[in-house]
Amino acid sequence: MRQIEVETRGRVAILTLSRPDAGNRITQDMADELTAALNAARSDKAISGCVLTGSGSVFCLGGDYRGAGPTSAGRMEFGRAHIDLFGTMAGLGKPLVAAINGHAHAGGFALALACDMVFATRDATLGLPEVAHGLFPFLALAIARDALPKAVLFEIAYEARLMSAEEARTRSLVNAVLPATEVLPRAIETVERATAGHPNVLALGRDLYYATRGVAPGEALGMARFALGAALAASDP
């Protein structure tokens, strides 16, 4: 059974995490399926961007660690699938917007933060509760550390504290908090509006952002120079 559902509305691909009975927890197969769906969207010229959401009443409650099995090899493959997924999200080359239809915890929180923008329903909670379950947000940390100040990150990790959607908005982790019926339409509209102009230029800008994270300013400016040149060439009549 597929764990990712793909639907197209106009030029927007809606990717839905589809394990509602398991809180949409991410298995290795789900991560691999989502990676494949994102790669397909990247190569499909008819798709202008993607929206990521969850089925049922939650977005995603984290990774399905138990499904990785008891062996080191299985656990390393589980981690590999997540590394591939987050790398593919960064390299999509098209807008990727999260429509948070419910709680986004642990790996689900990281999945939302790995998107370009986030819209959340009013009753959603977000955070890193792994410590309460005897774990630590090892994989999520690589994504969350870019979005949160150190003190805030360790506060919510050490205390396993969940933020309301409104608190997440005040911390610039969520763009808008909306009624549940408006979250997905707003995300789709955002992708459509962003891609109404020149999608190739938009792709250059998005790729530049993800390529320059953690890069020294001088190197980032050098990369920006070449991206600007390519954008201007693409805009020539």
C-alpha atoms as a PDB file:
ATOM      1  CA  MET A   1       0.000   0.000   0.000  1.00  0.00           C
ATOM      2  CA  ARG A   2       1.318   3.414  -0.954  1.00  0.00           C
ATOM      3  CA  GLN A   3       2.150   5.744   1.921  1.00  0.00           C
ATOM      4  CA  ILE A   4       2.190   8.945  -0.170  1.00  0.00           C
ATOM      5  CA  GLU A   5      -0.812  10.084  -2.177  1.00  0.00           C
ATOM      6  CA  VAL A   6      -0.217  12.454  -5.101  1.00  0.00           C
ATOM      7  CA  GLU A   7      -2.931  14.710  -6.493  1.00  0.00           C
ATOM      8  CA  THR A   8      -2.591  17.468  -9.075  1.00  0.00           C
ATOM      9  CA  ARG A   9      -4.662  20.641  -8.953  1.00  0.00           C
ATOM     10  CA  GLY A  10      -3.880  22.799 -11.924  1.00  0.00           C
ATOM     11  CA  ARG A  11      -0.085  22.995 -11.959  1.00  0.00           C
ATOM     12  CA  VAL A  12       0.337  22.230  -8.244  1.00  0.00           C
ATOM     13  CA  ALA A  13       1.179  18.737  -6.966  1.00  0.00           C
ATOM     14  CA  ILE A  14      -0.324  17.939  -3.563  1.00  0.00           C
ATOM     15  CA  LEU A  15       1.700  15.316  -1.721  1.00  0.00           C
ATOM     16  CA  THR A  16      -0.178  13.769   1.194  1.00  0.00           C
ATOM     17  CA  LEU A  17       1.370  11.667   3.959  1.00  0.00           C
ATOM     18  CA  SER A  18      -1.001   8.720   4.111  1.00  0.00           C
ATOM     19  CA  ARG A  19      -0.603   6.677   7.299  1.00  0.00           C
ATOM     20  CA  PRO A  20      -3.421   8.286   9.316  1.00  0.00           C
ATOM     21  CA  ASP A  21      -3.831   5.291  11.646  1.00  0.00           C
ATOM     22  CA  ALA A  22      -0.152   5.666  12.611  1.00  0.00           C
ATOM     23  CA  GLY A  23      -0.137   9.445  12.971  1.00  0.00           C
ATOM     24  CA  ASN A  24       1.437   9.697   9.497  1.00  0.00           C
ATOM     25  CA  ARG A  25       4.740   8.649  11.062  1.00  0.00           C
ATOM     26  CA  ILE A  26       7.519   8.453   8.504  1.00  0.00           C
ATOM     27  CA  THR A  27       8.731   4.978   7.642  1.00  0.00           C
ATOM     28  CA  GLN A  28      11.701   4.303   5.402  1.00  0.00           C
ATOM     29  CA  ASP A  29       9.298   3.408   2.589  1.00  0.00           C
ATOM     30  CA  MET A  30       7.334   6.618   3.105  1.00  0.00           C
ATOM     31  CA  ALA A  31      10.507   8.706   3.004  1.00  0.00           C
ATOM     32  CA  ASP A  32      11.603   6.948  -0.183  1.00  0.00           C
ATOM     33  CA  GLU A  33       8.147   7.383  -1.756  1.00  0.00           C
ATOM     34  CA  LEU A  34       8.109  11.074  -0.908  1.00  0.00           C
ATOM     35  CA  THR A  35      11.606  11.497  -2.333  1.00  0.00           C
ATOM     36  CA  ALA A  36      10.470   9.816  -5.560  1.00  0.00           C
ATOM     37  CA  ALA A  37       7.350  12.007  -5.752  1.00  0.00           C
ATOM     38  CA  LEU A  38       9.414  15.174  -5.292  1.00  0.00           C
ATOM     39  CA  ASN A  39      11.892  14.070  -7.959  1.00  0.00           C
ATOM     40  CA  ALA A  40       8.997  13.401 -10.327  1.00  0.00           C
ATOM     41  CA  ALA A  41       7.592  16.864  -9.638  1.00  0.00           C
ATOM     42  CA  ARG A  42      10.985  18.460 -10.250  1.00  0.00           C
ATOM     43  CA  SER A  43      11.318  16.849 -13.684  1.00  0.00           C
ATOM     44  CA  ASP A  44       7.693  17.467 -14.725  1.00  0.00           C
ATOM     45  CA  LYS A  45       7.484  20.806 -16.544  1.00  0.00           C
ATOM     46  CA  ALA A  46       3.712  20.808 -16.096  1.00  0.00           C
ATOM     47  CA  ILE A  47       4.163  21.053 -12.303  1.00  0.00           C
ATOM     48  CA  SER A  48       5.006  24.517 -10.981  1.00  0.00           C
ATOM     49  CA  GLY A  49       5.347  23.599  -7.299  1.00  0.00           C
ATOM     50  CA  CYS A  50       4.285  21.292  -4.487  1.00  0.00           C
ATOM     51  CA  VAL A  51       2.192  21.351  -1.322  1.00  0.00           C
ATOM     52  CA  LEU A  52       2.924  18.862   1.465  1.00  0.00           C
ATOM     53  CA  THR A  53       0.118  17.895   3.837  1.00  0.00           C
ATOM     54  CA  GLY A  54      -1.140  14.978   5.937  1.00  0.00           C
ATOM     55  CA  SER A  55      -4.203  12.777   5.836  1.00  0.00           C
ATOM     56  CA  GLY A  56      -6.607  12.587   8.737  1.00  0.00           C
ATOM     57  CA  SER A  57      -6.351  14.885  11.748  1.00  0.00           C
ATOM     58  CA  VAL A  58      -2.558  15.182  12.089  1.00  0.00           C
ATOM     59  CA  PHE A  59       0.248  16.287   9.813  1.00  0.00           C
ATOM     60  CA  CYS A  60       2.996  13.968  11.085  1.00  0.00           C
ATOM     61  CA  LEU A  61       3.962  12.735  14.556  1.00  0.00           C
ATOM     62  CA  GLY A  62       7.571  11.901  13.640  1.00  0.00           C
ATOM     63  CA  GLY A  63       9.613   9.017  12.364  1.00  0.00           C
ATOM     64  CA  ASP A  64       8.640   5.365  12.706  1.00  0.00           C
ATOM     65  CA  TYR A  65      11.865   4.284  14.406  1.00  0.00           C
ATOM     66  CA  ARG A  66      10.475   0.895  15.389  1.00  0.00           C
ATOM     67  CA  GLY A  67       9.837   0.075  11.750  1.00  0.00           C
ATOM     68  CA  ALA A  68      13.573   0.381  11.117  1.00  0.00           C
ATOM     69  CA  GLY A  69      14.056  -2.931  12.909  1.00  0.00           C
ATOM     70  CA  PRO A  70      16.616  -4.050  15.504  1.00  0.00           C
ATOM     71  CA  THR A  71      19.753  -4.091  13.347  1.00  0.00           C
ATOM     72  CA  SER A  72      22.306  -1.326  12.862  1.00  0.00           C
ATOM     73  CA  ALA A  73      22.049  -1.769   9.092  1.00  0.00           C
ATOM     74  CA  GLY A  74      18.284  -1.238   9.167  1.00  0.00           C
ATOM     75  CA  ARG A  75      18.594   1.831  11.363  1.00  0.00           C
ATOM     76  CA  MET A  76      21.277   3.321   9.106  1.00  0.00           C
ATOM     77  CA  GLU A  77      19.017   2.772   6.083  1.00  0.00           C
ATOM     78  CA  PHE A  78      16.213   4.541   7.931  1.00  0.00           C
ATOM     79  CA  GLY A  79      18.536   7.503   8.463  1.00  0.00           C
ATOM     80  CA  ARG A  80      19.709   7.364   4.848  1.00  0.00           C
ATOM     81  CA  ALA A  81      16.120   7.615   3.621  1.00  0.00           C
ATOM     82  CA  HIS A  82      15.643  10.797   5.677  1.00  0.00           C
ATOM     83  CA  ILE A  83      18.899  12.308   4.421  1.00  0.00           C
ATOM     84  CA  ASP A  84      17.808  11.639   0.837  1.00  0.00           C
ATOM     85  CA  LEU A  85      14.394  13.141   1.535  1.00  0.00           C
ATOM     86  CA  PHE A  86      15.619  16.387   3.071  1.00  0.00           C
ATOM     87  CA  GLY A  87      18.216  16.775   0.322  1.00  0.00           C
ATOM     88  CA  THR A  88      15.548  16.321  -2.328  1.00  0.00           C
ATOM     89  CA  MET A  89      13.284  18.860  -0.633  1.00  0.00           C
ATOM     90  CA  ALA A  90      16.098  21.424  -0.691  1.00  0.00           C
ATOM     91  CA  GLY A  91      16.912  20.637  -4.322  1.00  0.00           C
ATOM     92  CA  LEU A  92      13.346  20.651  -5.637  1.00  0.00           C
ATOM     93  CA  GLY A  93      13.877  23.816  -7.678  1.00  0.00           C
ATOM     94  CA  LYS A  94      10.209  24.736  -7.231  1.00  0.00           C
ATOM     95  CA  PRO A  95       8.152  26.161  -4.356  1.00  0.00           C
ATOM     96  CA  LEU A  96       7.389  23.662  -1.599  1.00  0.00           C
ATOM     97  CA  VAL A  97       4.768  24.782   0.913  1.00  0.00           C
ATOM     98  CA  ALA A  98       3.544  22.899   3.983  1.00  0.00           C
ATOM     99  CA  ALA A  99      -0.183  22.761   4.751  1.00  0.00           C
ATOM    100  CA  ILE A 100      -0.138  21.674   8.408  1.00  0.00           C
ATOM    101  CA  ASN A 101      -3.538  20.064   8.926  1.00  0.00           C
ATOM    102  CA  GLY A 102      -2.763  18.997  12.504  1.00  0.00           C
ATOM    103  CA  HIS A 103       0.048  18.233  14.928  1.00  0.00           C
ATOM    104  CA  ALA A 104       3.626  18.323  13.579  1.00  0.00           C
ATOM    105  CA  HIS A 105       5.924  16.676  16.107  1.00  0.00           C
ATOM    106  CA  ALA A 106       9.520  15.439  16.034  1.00  0.00           C
ATOM    107  CA  GLY A 107      10.374  14.436  12.455  1.00  0.00           C
ATOM    108  CA  GLY A 108       7.046  15.908  11.354  1.00  0.00           C
ATOM    109  CA  PHE A 109       8.136  19.262  12.762  1.00  0.00           C
ATOM    110  CA  ALA A 110      11.409  18.976  10.832  1.00  0.00           C
ATOM    111  CA  LEU A 111       9.489  18.042   7.684  1.00  0.00           C
ATOM    112  CA  ALA A 112       7.423  21.218   7.971  1.00  0.00           C
ATOM    113  CA  LEU A 113      10.498  23.372   8.631  1.00  0.00           C
ATOM    114  CA  ALA A 114      12.194  21.904   5.560  1.00  0.00           C
ATOM    115  CA  CYS A 115       9.464  23.440   3.390  1.00  0.00           C
ATOM    116  CA  ASP A 116       9.756  27.010   2.087  1.00  0.00           C
ATOM    117  CA  MET A 117       6.641  28.262   3.870  1.00  0.00           C
ATOM    118  CA  VAL A 118       4.227  26.837   6.434  1.00  0.00           C
ATOM    119  CA  PHE A 119       0.495  27.383   6.942  1.00  0.00           C
ATOM    120  CA  ALA A 120      -1.042  25.699   9.999  1.00  0.00           C
ATOM    121  CA  THR A 121      -4.468  24.984  11.369  1.00  0.00           C
ATOM    122  CA  ARG A 122      -5.321  26.713  14.638  1.00  0.00           C
ATOM    123  CA  ASP A 123      -5.317  23.579  16.802  1.00  0.00           C
ATOM    124  CA  ALA A 124      -1.961  22.259  15.549  1.00  0.00           C
ATOM    125  CA  THR A 125       0.951  21.879  17.940  1.00  0.00           C
ATOM    126  CA  LEU A 126       4.581  21.789  16.847  1.00  0.00           C
ATOM    127  CA  GLY A 127       7.781  20.730  18.570  1.00  0.00           C
ATOM    128  CA  LEU A 128      10.396  18.146  19.456  1.00  0.00           C
ATOM    129  CA  PRO A 129       9.009  15.846  22.183  1.00  0.00           C
ATOM    130  CA  GLU A 130      11.547  13.019  21.713  1.00  0.00           C
ATOM    131  CA  VAL A 131      13.148  13.442  25.166  1.00  0.00           C
ATOM    132  CA  ALA A 132       9.832  12.533  26.785  1.00  0.00           C
ATOM    133  CA  HIS A 133      10.091   9.172  25.010  1.00  0.00           C
ATOM    134  CA  GLY A 134      13.704   8.505  25.937  1.00  0.00           C
ATOM    135  CA  LEU A 135      15.135   9.736  22.638  1.00  0.00           C
ATOM    136  CA  PHE A 136      16.625  12.928  21.211  1.00  0.00           C
ATOM    137  CA  PRO A 137      15.744  14.718  17.940  1.00  0.00           C
ATOM    138  CA  PHE A 138      18.878  13.519  16.169  1.00  0.00           C
ATOM    139  CA  LEU A 139      17.653  13.729  12.550  1.00  0.00           C
ATOM    140  CA  ALA A 140      15.302  16.652  13.182  1.00  0.00           C
ATOM    141  CA  LEU A 141      18.121  18.650  14.758  1.00  0.00           C
ATOM    142  CA  ALA A 142      19.865  19.097  11.394  1.00  0.00           C
ATOM    143  CA  ILE A 143      16.794  20.942  10.069  1.00  0.00           C
ATOM    144  CA  ALA A 144      15.502  22.642  13.220  1.00  0.00           C
ATOM    145  CA  ARG A 145      18.841  24.265  14.079  1.00  0.00           C
ATOM    146  CA  ASP A 146      18.565  26.483  10.977  1.00  0.00           C
ATOM    147  CA  ALA A 147      15.089  27.667  11.940  1.00  0.00           C
ATOM    148  CA  LEU A 148      15.393  28.213  15.704  1.00  0.00           C
ATOM    149  CA  PRO A 149      17.750  30.186  17.938  1.00  0.00           C
ATOM    150  CA  LYS A 150      19.910  27.831  20.013  1.00  0.00           C
ATOM    151  CA  ALA A 151      18.253  28.694  23.330  1.00  0.00           C
ATOM    152  CA  VAL A 152      14.765  28.112  21.949  1.00  0.00           C
ATOM    153  CA  LEU A 153      15.751  24.862  20.235  1.00  0.00           C
ATOM    154  CA  PHE A 154      17.217  23.387  23.414  1.00  0.00           C
ATOM    155  CA  GLU A 155      14.301  24.678  25.478  1.00  0.00           C
ATOM    156  CA  ILE A 156      11.709  22.812  23.448  1.00  0.00           C
ATOM    157  CA  ALA A 157      13.979  19.768  23.066  1.00  0.00           C
ATOM    158  CA  TYR A 158      15.013  19.473  26.736  1.00  0.00           C
ATOM    159  CA  GLU A 159      11.506  20.178  28.008  1.00  0.00           C
ATOM    160  CA  ALA A 160       9.765  18.216  25.228  1.00  0.00           C
ATOM    161  CA  ARG A 161       7.545  21.273  25.016  1.00  0.00           C
ATOM    162  CA  LEU A 162       5.037  21.624  22.207  1.00  0.00           C
ATOM    163  CA  MET A 163       4.300  25.051  20.777  1.00  0.00           C
ATOM    164  CA  SER A 164       0.861  26.147  19.731  1.00  0.00           C
ATOM    165  CA  ALA A 165       0.474  27.149  16.113  1.00  0.00           C
ATOM    166  CA  GLU A 166       0.175  30.773  17.221  1.00  0.00           C
ATOM    167  CA  GLU A 167       3.416  30.624  19.218  1.00  0.00           C
ATOM    168  CA  ALA A 168       5.123  29.046  16.214  1.00  0.00           C
ATOM    169  CA  ARG A 169       3.847  31.943  14.115  1.00  0.00           C
ATOM    170  CA  THR A 170       5.275  34.505  16.550  1.00  0.00           C
ATOM    171  CA  ARG A 171       8.630  32.711  16.281  1.00  0.00           C
ATOM    172  CA  SER A 172       8.465  32.962  12.462  1.00  0.00           C
ATOM    173  CA  LEU A 173       8.167  29.185  12.062  1.00  0.00           C
ATOM    174  CA  VAL A 174       4.657  29.426  10.611  1.00  0.00           C
ATOM    175  CA  ASN A 175       3.540  32.038   8.081  1.00  0.00           C
ATOM    176  CA  ALA A 176      -0.135  32.075   9.022  1.00  0.00           C
ATOM    177  CA  VAL A 177      -2.545  30.283  11.356  1.00  0.00           C
ATOM    178  CA  LEU A 178      -5.857  29.546   9.670  1.00  0.00           C
ATOM    179  CA  PRO A 179      -9.110  27.632  10.066  1.00  0.00           C
ATOM    180  CA  ALA A 180      -8.641  23.997   9.046  1.00  0.00           C
ATOM    181  CA  THR A 181     -10.652  24.424   5.841  1.00  0.00           C
ATOM    182  CA  GLU A 182      -8.416  27.260   4.645  1.00  0.00           C
ATOM    183  CA  VAL A 183      -4.951  25.758   5.171  1.00  0.00           C
ATOM    184  CA  LEU A 184      -4.660  23.672   2.010  1.00  0.00           C
ATOM    185  CA  PRO A 185      -6.283  26.261  -0.317  1.00  0.00           C
ATOM    186  CA  ARG A 186      -3.954  28.956   1.051  1.00  0.00           C
ATOM    187  CA  ALA A 187      -0.904  26.779   0.433  1.00  0.00           C
ATOM    188  CA  ILE A 188      -2.000  26.027  -3.133  1.00  0.00           C
ATOM    189  CA  GLU A 189      -2.710  29.709  -3.778  1.00  0.00           C
ATOM    190  CA  THR A 190       0.745  30.630  -2.480  1.00  0.00           C
ATOM    191  CA  VAL A 191       2.447  28.254  -4.926  1.00  0.00           C
ATOM    192  CA  GLU A 192       0.303  29.504  -7.812  1.00  0.00           C
ATOM    193  CA  ARG A 193       1.053  33.139  -7.036  1.00  0.00           C
ATOM    194  CA  ALA A 194       4.787  32.538  -6.646  1.00  0.00           C
ATOM    195  CA  THR A 195       5.031  30.764  -9.990  1.00  0.00           C
ATOM    196  CA  ALA A 196       2.849  33.118 -12.004  1.00  0.00           C
ATOM    197  CA  GLY A 197       5.924  34.910 -13.396  1.00  0.00           C
ATOM    198  CA  HIS A 198       9.137  33.304 -14.618  1.00  0.00           C
ATOM    199  CA  PRO A 199       9.535  29.824 -13.058  1.00  0.00           C
ATOM    200  CA  ASN A 200      13.129  29.393 -14.265  1.00  0.00           C
ATOM    201  CA  VAL A 201      14.225  32.565 -12.501  1.00  0.00           C
ATOM    202  CA  LEU A 202      12.321  31.507  -9.377  1.00  0.00           C
ATOM    203  CA  ALA A 203      14.130  28.154  -9.444  1.00  0.00           C
ATOM    204  CA  LEU A 204      17.496  29.908  -9.612  1.00  0.00           C
ATOM    205  CA  GLY A 205      16.610  31.989  -6.554  1.00  0.00           C
ATOM    206  CA  ARG A 206      15.310  29.060  -4.541  1.00  0.00           C
ATOM    207  CA  ASP A 207      18.310  26.914  -5.396  1.00  0.00           C
ATOM    208  CA  LEU A 208      20.599  29.780  -4.427  1.00  0.00           C
ATOM    209  CA  TYR A 209      19.010  30.045  -0.993  1.00  0.00           C
ATOM    210  CA  TYR A 210      19.459  26.368  -0.156  1.00  0.00           C
ATOM    211  CA  ALA A 211      22.946  26.200  -1.683  1.00  0.00           C
ATOM    212  CA  THR A 212      24.223  29.156   0.366  1.00  0.00           C
ATOM    213  CA  ARG A 213      22.994  28.116   3.823  1.00  0.00           C
ATOM    214  CA  GLY A 214      26.048  27.886   6.041  1.00  0.00           C
ATOM    215  CA  VAL A 215      28.316  29.331   3.361  1.00  0.00           C
ATOM    216  CA  ALA A 216      30.613  32.282   4.084  1.00  0.00           C
ATOM    217  CA  PRO A 217      29.318  35.653   2.759  1.00  0.00           C
ATOM    218  CA  GLY A 218      32.052  35.990   0.146  1.00  0.00           C
ATOM    219  CA  GLU A 219      31.340  32.577  -1.314  1.00  0.00           C
ATOM    220  CA  ALA A 220      27.590  33.206  -1.164  1.00  0.00           C
ATOM    221  CA  LEU A 221      28.007  36.445  -3.100  1.00  0.00           C
ATOM    222  CA  GLY A 222      30.038  34.638  -5.731  1.00  0.00           C
ATOM    223  CA  MET A 223      27.281  32.079  -6.144  1.00  0.00           C
ATOM    224  CA  ALA A 224      24.682  34.856  -6.234  1.00  0.00           C
ATOM    225  CA  ARG A 225      26.618  36.611  -9.003  1.00  0.00           C
ATOM    226  CA  PHE A 226      26.376  33.585 -11.282  1.00  0.00           C
ATOM    227  CA  ALA A 227      22.709  33.037 -10.398  1.00  0.00           C
ATOM    228  CA  LEU A 228      21.954  36.664 -11.250  1.00  0.00           C
ATOM    229  CA  GLY A 229      23.726  36.305 -14.587  1.00  0.00           C
ATOM    230  CA  ALA A 230      21.745  33.191 -15.402  1.00  0.00           C
ATOM    231  CA  ALA A 231      18.486  34.868 -14.360  1.00  0.00           C
ATOM    232  CA  LEU A 232      19.115  37.925 -16.510  1.00  0.00           C
ATOM    233  CA  ALA A 233      19.978  35.696 -19.481  1.00  0.00           C
ATOM    234  CA  ALA A 234      16.788  33.717 -18.972  1.00  0.00           C
ATOM    235  CA  SER A 235      14.783  36.960 -18.897  1.00  0.00           C
ATOM    236  CA  ASP A 236      16.247  38.304 -22.152  1.00  0.00           C
ATOM    237  CA  PRO A 237      13.656  38.738 -24.899  1.00  0.00           C
END
